[in-house]
Amino acid sequence: MEPKVNVLGVLLVLTIFYTPIIVFAGEGVPDVALFTFGDSSYDAGNKEFLKVWLKAGQIKFLPQSLWPYGKSRDDPNGKFSDGYIVPDFIADFMSIPNGIPPALKPGVNVSRGASFAVADASILGSPVESMTLNQQVSKFKNMKSSWTDDYIEKSLFMIFIGTEDYLNFTKTNPTADASAQQAFVTSVINRLKNDIGLLYSLRASKFVVQLLPPLGCLPIVRQDYKTGNECYEPLNDLAKQHNAKIGPMLNEFANTSSGFQFTVFDFYNALLRRTQRLNYRFLVTNSSCCGVGTHNAYGCAFSNVHVKLCEYQRSYLFFDGRHNTEKAQEEFAHLLYGANLNVIQPMNIRELIVYPVGTNMREYWEPNKSSIRRRPPTDSYVGFSAY
């Protein structure tokens, strides 16, 4: 009997391995929920509804709710992309109908999860018109009765946050020495560890943490720091220091917290490779599709800014100054869901979902791990661009 195929993407033809492989995304995957936490990269529209929780007048103009955001879908919906973002694709692969809604939107169906991410969020402290990660976790706690403990334990918790912390730190501390940088990174990691621990105490057990990108290579950073075609290395160094602490921190959780399961997505190198190699079919990787300035990195959808808009966004790695195009977001989602250990370890999302609940992990994160699942290249070009 032929297997049923979900029209919205159950069949994934992945070219992220060293040789092509076909994966049925929903096959054998239980119907669990997806919860996301973080900043604008994961925001499913919460910023638009945050005014419900704040005093009148504190919400400013929201460009992400206007065209050309949503350009590829003809639907500006509060997401910082020309279309779908990574969690949309992950929800699709998990056979979650209609994706996951913003948790702050009144009356939404959260039976299969929700997005708690809010634009401008940070770990250490967010502006009044946003929410820290800790506040997002508190919001989840307030809504916890919407799901059973058993369902929460089986479900997936994705976290991607920290960009705002380091952009703000570098802007306000341009001459910070190595000691000050290390102290700041340590404070960020300690707070992140505390918030993950709070989620675990609320019965979450399956975590996906996305590493920071090469922050110095974002178009808005190249433009602000006038680096031309070069990346701003001080911010890249901060991102690398942060990223190096994530795996060991999660290993410690797994060793000391019963049933704690996790995986880490190496977003830093996945994005960096796409800024350096044309064989990913992104023709423009250091400037944005929408914006103004030397790198078109500022003002996308601002009513008072006459921005430039590229003709074909799928040829761009970035849609605005710091957010990727839908095409890039889809590639990253495939890497998260089905890639090998060169990209995400100690397991991919599909493996994490089906890993027995309550079971301690057998493998842990390792620095520079060479995967035993790496497939030998049969074609030099495929091997070069596989992930």
Foldseek 3Di string as FASTA:
>chain_A
DDDDADPLDQWDFALLALHIDIGRLQPPFDQAAEEEAAALLQAQAVLVLLCVVDDPPPRDDQLQQDPPQCVVVPGSRRHAASRDFQQQVLCVSNVNPPGAEAPSDPPDDQLRHHYLYYHQEAQPDGPPSGDHRLVSLVSCVVVVVSDDLVRQLLYEYEYEYHLNVLVVCCVVCVPDDPVRLLVSLVVSVVSVLVSVVSSVVSNHAEYEYEQDAQSQQQLVNCQVVVVQLDGDVVSSVSSVSNRVVVQVSQVVCLVPPFQHHYKYFDNHVVLVVVSPDCVVQQQAERAAQKADGPRRADDGSPPVDDIHHHPDQLNYQHHHRGHGYPNNSNSSSCCQAPNFPVGMPPHHPSCSSSDDGRHRDPDGDDPPDDTPPRDDNPDPSSNVNSD
